[in-house]
Protein backbone atom coordinates (compact mmCIF):
# COMPACT_ATOMS: atom_id res chain seq x y z
CA MET A 1 3.46 -23.74 73.11
CA ASP A 2 1.08 -23.45 70.17
CA ILE A 3 2.44 -24.41 66.78
CA LYS A 4 0.59 -22.86 63.85
CA ILE A 5 0.50 -25.05 60.82
CA PRO A 6 -0.26 -23.12 57.61
CA SER A 7 -3.41 -24.19 55.87
CA THR A 8 -3.38 -25.77 52.44
CA ARG A 9 -4.93 -22.58 51.05
CA GLN A 10 -2.16 -20.43 52.54
CA THR A 11 0.50 -22.75 51.17
CA CYS A 12 -1.03 -22.58 47.69
CA LEU A 13 -1.26 -18.78 47.79
CA ALA A 14 2.41 -18.49 48.79
CA SER A 15 3.42 -20.92 46.07
CA ASN A 16 1.40 -19.03 43.45
CA ALA A 17 2.95 -15.73 44.54
CA ARG A 18 6.44 -17.19 44.17
CA GLN A 19 5.55 -18.57 40.73
CA THR A 20 4.13 -15.21 39.65
CA ARG A 21 7.30 -13.40 40.76
CA LEU A 22 9.43 -16.00 38.95
CA VAL A 23 7.41 -15.66 35.72
CA SER A 24 7.59 -11.86 35.94
CA LEU A 25 11.38 -12.03 36.45
CA LEU A 26 11.79 -14.42 33.50
CA LEU A 27 9.69 -12.18 31.24
CA SER A 28 11.69 -9.13 32.27
CA LEU A 29 14.98 -10.95 31.59
CA SER A 30 13.66 -12.20 28.23
CA LEU A 31 12.61 -8.69 27.20
CA THR A 32 15.99 -7.26 28.25
CA LEU A 33 17.80 -9.98 26.28
CA TRP A 34 15.57 -9.43 23.23
CA LEU A 35 16.22 -5.68 23.23
CA ALA A 36 19.95 -6.29 23.66
CA LEU A 37 19.96 -8.67 20.69
CA LEU A 38 18.06 -6.13 18.56
CA ASN A 39 20.50 -3.37 19.46
CA THR A 40 23.45 -5.66 18.78
CA ALA A 41 22.04 -6.65 15.39
CA ALA A 42 21.38 -3.00 14.50
CA ALA A 43 24.91 -2.06 15.55
CA GLN A 44 26.41 -4.89 13.47
CA VAL A 45 24.46 -3.98 10.32
CA ALA A 46 23.82 -0.30 10.92
CA GLU A 47 23.91 0.68 7.28
CA GLY A 48 21.93 0.00 4.16
CA GLU A 49 19.29 1.40 1.83
CA ILE A 50 15.68 2.47 2.29
CA ARG A 51 13.11 2.96 -0.43
CA TYR A 52 10.53 5.59 0.49
CA LEU A 53 7.13 5.96 -1.11
CA VAL A 54 6.28 9.66 -1.37
CA LYS A 55 2.62 10.67 -1.77
CA HIS A 56 1.85 14.23 -2.88
CA ASP A 57 -1.66 15.65 -2.54
CA TRP A 58 -2.16 18.94 -4.43
CA VAL A 59 -5.50 19.74 -2.79
CA LYS A 60 -4.06 19.36 0.72
CA LYS A 61 -1.02 21.41 -0.28
CA MET A 62 -3.32 24.21 -1.38
CA ALA A 63 -5.42 23.86 1.77
CA ALA A 64 -2.32 24.49 3.89
CA LEU A 65 -1.78 27.92 2.27
CA GLU A 66 -3.69 30.30 4.52
CA TYR A 67 -2.85 33.32 2.34
CA VAL A 68 -4.62 31.85 -0.71
CA SER A 69 -8.31 32.72 -0.94
CA ALA A 70 -10.90 30.16 0.07
CA ARG A 71 -12.43 30.43 -3.40
CA GLU A 72 -9.17 29.44 -5.10
CA ARG A 73 -8.70 26.53 -2.72
CA GLU A 74 -12.23 25.35 -3.46
CA GLN A 75 -11.61 25.63 -7.20
CA THR A 76 -8.45 23.57 -6.86
CA ALA A 77 -10.31 20.87 -4.94
CA TYR A 78 -13.06 20.84 -7.58
CA MET A 79 -10.59 20.73 -10.47
CA TRP A 80 -8.49 17.88 -9.08
CA GLY A 81 -11.33 15.92 -7.50
CA ASN A 82 -10.16 12.39 -6.74
CA ARG A 83 -7.02 12.80 -8.86
CA SER A 84 -5.16 15.11 -6.50
CA GLU A 85 -2.57 12.54 -5.43
CA TRP A 86 0.53 11.32 -7.23
CA LYS A 87 3.38 9.12 -6.04
CA GLU A 88 7.11 8.71 -6.47
CA TYR A 89 9.92 6.64 -4.99
CA MET A 90 12.98 8.06 -3.26
CA ARG A 91 15.94 6.25 -1.75
CA LEU A 92 18.18 6.81 1.25
CA TYR A 93 21.62 5.29 1.77
CA PHE A 94 22.60 5.46 5.43
CA SER A 95 25.16 4.59 8.07
CA PRO A 96 25.82 5.99 11.56
CA GLN A 97 28.34 8.39 9.96
CA ARG A 98 26.66 9.54 6.71
CA SER A 99 23.48 9.54 4.65
CA ARG A 100 22.52 10.24 1.04
CA TYR A 101 18.95 10.90 -0.13
CA GLU A 102 18.06 11.08 -3.82
CA GLN A 103 15.50 10.08 -6.42
CA SER A 104 14.98 6.44 -7.21
CA ASP A 105 15.09 4.94 -10.69
CA GLU A 106 11.96 2.98 -9.83
CA VAL A 107 8.59 4.39 -10.92
CA ALA A 108 5.77 4.36 -8.38
CA GLU A 109 2.97 4.90 -10.91
CA ALA A 110 2.82 2.97 -14.16
CA GLU A 111 1.30 5.89 -16.07
CA MET A 112 4.36 8.00 -15.25
CA ILE A 113 6.78 5.76 -17.16
CA GLY A 114 8.56 7.87 -19.76
CA TYR A 115 7.83 11.20 -18.05
CA ALA A 116 11.44 12.21 -17.42
CA TRP A 117 10.32 15.78 -16.73
CA ARG A 118 9.48 14.70 -13.18
CA LYS A 119 13.15 14.13 -12.41
CA GLU A 120 15.09 17.20 -11.37
CA PRO A 121 18.54 17.72 -9.82
CA LEU A 122 18.17 16.62 -6.22
CA LEU A 123 20.48 15.42 -3.46
CA PHE A 124 20.59 15.71 0.32
CA TYR A 125 23.92 14.48 1.72
CA ARG A 126 24.74 14.48 5.43
CA ASP A 127 28.08 13.77 7.10
CA PHE A 128 27.27 13.36 10.80
CA GLU A 129 30.87 12.52 11.69
CA GLN A 130 32.33 15.72 10.20
CA GLY A 131 29.24 17.87 10.78
CA ARG A 132 28.91 18.81 7.09
CA GLN A 133 26.11 18.76 4.52
CA PHE A 134 25.93 19.05 0.74
CA ASP A 135 22.65 19.57 -1.12
CA ILE A 136 21.64 19.91 -4.75
CA VAL A 137 18.23 21.51 -5.23
CA LYS A 138 16.36 23.39 -7.92
CA ALA A 139 14.44 26.59 -7.26
CA GLU A 140 12.82 28.96 -9.76
CA GLY A 141 14.38 26.99 -12.60
CA ARG A 142 17.92 27.37 -11.22
CA THR A 143 20.13 24.69 -9.70
CA TYR A 144 21.88 25.40 -6.39
CA LEU A 145 24.85 23.54 -4.89
CA ILE A 146 24.66 24.07 -1.13
CA GLU A 147 27.61 23.22 1.10
CA ASP A 148 27.69 24.16 4.76
CA THR A 149 27.97 22.95 8.34
CA LEU A 150 25.31 20.42 9.24
CA GLN A 151 22.05 21.96 10.46
CA CYS A 152 19.14 19.77 11.59
CA PRO A 153 15.63 20.77 12.72
CA GLN A 154 14.91 21.56 16.37
CA TRP A 155 12.64 18.63 17.15
CA LYS A 156 10.05 18.26 19.86
CA ILE A 157 9.97 14.57 20.78
CA LEU A 158 6.50 13.25 21.62
CA ASN A 159 5.34 10.14 23.49
CA ASP A 160 3.41 8.05 20.95
CA LEU A 161 4.58 4.70 19.60
CA ARG A 162 3.61 2.85 16.42
CA GLU A 163 5.04 0.39 13.93
CA VAL A 164 6.47 1.54 10.60
CA ALA A 165 8.01 -0.95 8.16
CA GLY A 166 8.34 -3.54 10.92
CA TYR A 167 10.09 -1.24 13.41
CA VAL A 168 8.76 0.25 16.64
CA CYS A 169 8.91 4.02 16.20
CA MET A 170 8.47 7.10 18.37
CA ASN A 171 7.16 10.38 16.99
CA ALA A 172 8.51 13.92 16.93
CA ARG A 173 7.37 17.25 15.48
CA TRP A 174 8.94 20.31 13.92
CA ASP A 175 7.39 23.54 12.63
CA ASP A 176 9.39 24.83 9.66
CA PRO A 177 9.44 28.65 10.03
CA LEU A 178 10.50 29.22 6.41
CA LYS A 179 8.02 27.13 4.42
CA GLY A 180 5.36 27.05 7.12
CA HIS A 181 5.25 23.26 7.33
CA ARG A 182 4.18 21.30 10.37
CA ILE A 183 6.09 18.04 10.06
CA GLU A 184 5.43 14.97 12.20
CA VAL A 185 7.89 12.11 11.89
CA TRP A 186 8.31 8.58 13.22
CA PHE A 187 11.83 7.39 14.01
CA ALA A 188 13.01 3.82 14.69
CA LEU A 189 14.19 3.12 18.21
CA ASP A 190 16.16 0.07 17.05
CA LEU A 191 18.09 1.97 14.36
CA PRO A 192 20.05 4.65 16.29
CA ILE A 193 21.05 6.65 13.21
CA PRO A 194 20.27 10.41 12.94
CA ALA A 195 19.29 10.28 9.24
CA GLY A 196 16.02 10.66 7.38
CA PRO A 197 14.32 11.60 4.11
CA GLU A 198 14.60 15.03 2.45
CA ASP A 199 16.60 17.41 4.67
CA LEU A 200 15.31 15.86 7.92
CA CYS A 201 17.89 14.65 10.44
CA GLY A 202 19.06 14.93 14.03
CA LEU A 203 16.85 12.45 15.90
CA PRO A 204 18.14 9.49 17.99
CA GLY A 205 16.75 7.06 15.41
CA LEU A 206 16.32 6.67 11.66
CA ILE A 207 13.22 8.52 10.38
CA LEU A 208 10.95 6.02 8.64
CA GLU A 209 7.92 8.25 8.06
CA ALA A 210 7.32 11.99 7.66
CA ASN A 211 3.92 13.66 7.34
CA TYR A 212 3.82 17.26 6.07
CA ASN A 213 0.79 19.41 6.87
CA ASN A 214 -1.70 16.65 7.66
CA GLY A 215 -1.16 14.59 4.54
CA ALA A 216 -0.11 17.21 1.99
CA MET A 217 3.04 15.11 1.52
CA VAL A 218 3.66 11.78 3.25
CA ILE A 219 6.97 9.93 3.00
CA THR A 220 6.96 6.31 4.22
CA ALA A 221 9.67 3.65 4.19
CA ASP A 222 8.29 0.64 2.33
CA ARG A 223 11.50 -1.36 1.86
CA ILE A 224 14.53 -1.49 4.18
CA ASP A 225 17.65 -3.35 3.08
CA LEU A 226 20.27 -3.65 5.83
CA ARG A 227 23.55 -4.40 4.05
CA ALA A 228 27.13 -3.28 3.80
CA LEU A 229 27.51 -0.33 1.44
CA LYS A 230 30.44 0.31 -0.91
CA THR A 231 30.84 3.76 -2.45
CA GLU A 232 27.27 5.02 -2.04
CA LEU A 233 28.20 7.25 0.89
CA ASP A 234 31.37 8.76 -0.54
CA TRP A 235 31.41 12.57 -0.61
CA PRO A 236 29.42 13.66 -3.71
CA LYS A 237 31.24 14.81 -6.84
CA PRO A 238 28.39 16.40 -8.82
CA LYS A 239 28.65 16.52 -12.59
CA ILE A 240 25.81 18.99 -12.83
CA LYS A 241 26.50 22.73 -12.93
CA GLY A 242 24.86 25.08 -10.45
CA LYS A 243 25.34 28.14 -8.29
CA LYS A 244 27.43 27.42 -5.19
CA VAL A 245 25.90 28.95 -2.08
CA SER A 246 25.83 28.56 1.69
CA LEU A 247 22.71 27.28 3.41
CA GLU A 248 21.79 30.77 4.63
CA GLN A 249 22.22 32.21 1.14
CA TYR A 250 19.85 29.57 -0.24
CA ARG A 251 17.35 30.23 2.54
CA GLU A 252 17.43 33.90 1.63
CA VAL A 253 16.55 32.97 -1.97
CA LEU A 254 13.58 31.00 -0.62
CA ARG A 255 12.47 33.79 1.73
CA LYS A 256 12.39 36.30 -1.10
CA TYR A 257 10.60 33.95 -3.49
CA ILE A 258 7.99 32.79 -0.96
CA ALA A 259 7.29 36.41 0.06
CA GLU A 260 6.72 37.33 -3.59
CA GLN A 261 4.33 34.41 -4.11
CA LYS A 262 2.40 35.24 -0.94
CA LYS A 263 1.98 38.85 -2.08
CA ALA A 264 0.65 37.63 -5.43
CA GLU A 265 -1.48 34.96 -3.66
CA ARG A 266 0.11 32.19 -5.71
CA PRO A 267 1.25 28.76 -4.41
CA TRP A 268 4.97 29.01 -3.66
CA PHE A 269 5.54 25.28 -4.17
CA TRP A 270 5.11 25.55 -7.94
CA GLY A 271 8.63 26.99 -8.11
CA VAL A 272 10.52 25.25 -5.30
CA ARG A 273 10.55 21.81 -3.70
CA TYR A 274 7.79 21.27 -1.15
């Protein structure tokens, strides 16, 4: 009977294969443990405050208005030149149950210190647990208090990944049929909270960046403070006076105003929030 003795080369190859499988298994287990720890940490401190840097670009806002003549858009670009962008800070308080988005007291541009005219009545409050929302916005010089059932955009989730503010994010897109915006956002996979800046919500992760119309307005989280909140997410009790309307009633105000501005070939965003 012949007895086959494996060669040294065969023994080494088998040993290397076993080592490779072992290393692969250890890496897989390490990655699973790391993700579990991240999710546990996020669940333990799943509330806090985000400061967003908002960049407005007037030339790009004008460029997105197809109904405005090319000549007027060119004149706007010439007039603004390299000074078409200005910045502001906004803040978002968030938890898995609620969120509150409003203007920050911090000034993003030193030359804007003292220009209180920039600040207008503004609040976007979302109660995900109760399915309610409360907004304070200004349009055509009038303040509106909007209370209604919670309504979030119908997102199309895409496949790209990138880092924003230290978090791995996935992207999604929504085309706003009322204002004509194409909005691409990046939401954090490790922060499973359906909140975001402005009136954006409804994704399986906290929105850390939003890009309107290819850079016309870009909102990016530049400081995230995970901490226990106190009264920041209590239901708002506004001291400001305004007209109480439903969300559909407010949208009808916007539809009428935007249609009027389009007919006159004027930028609609001079009178309402972009």
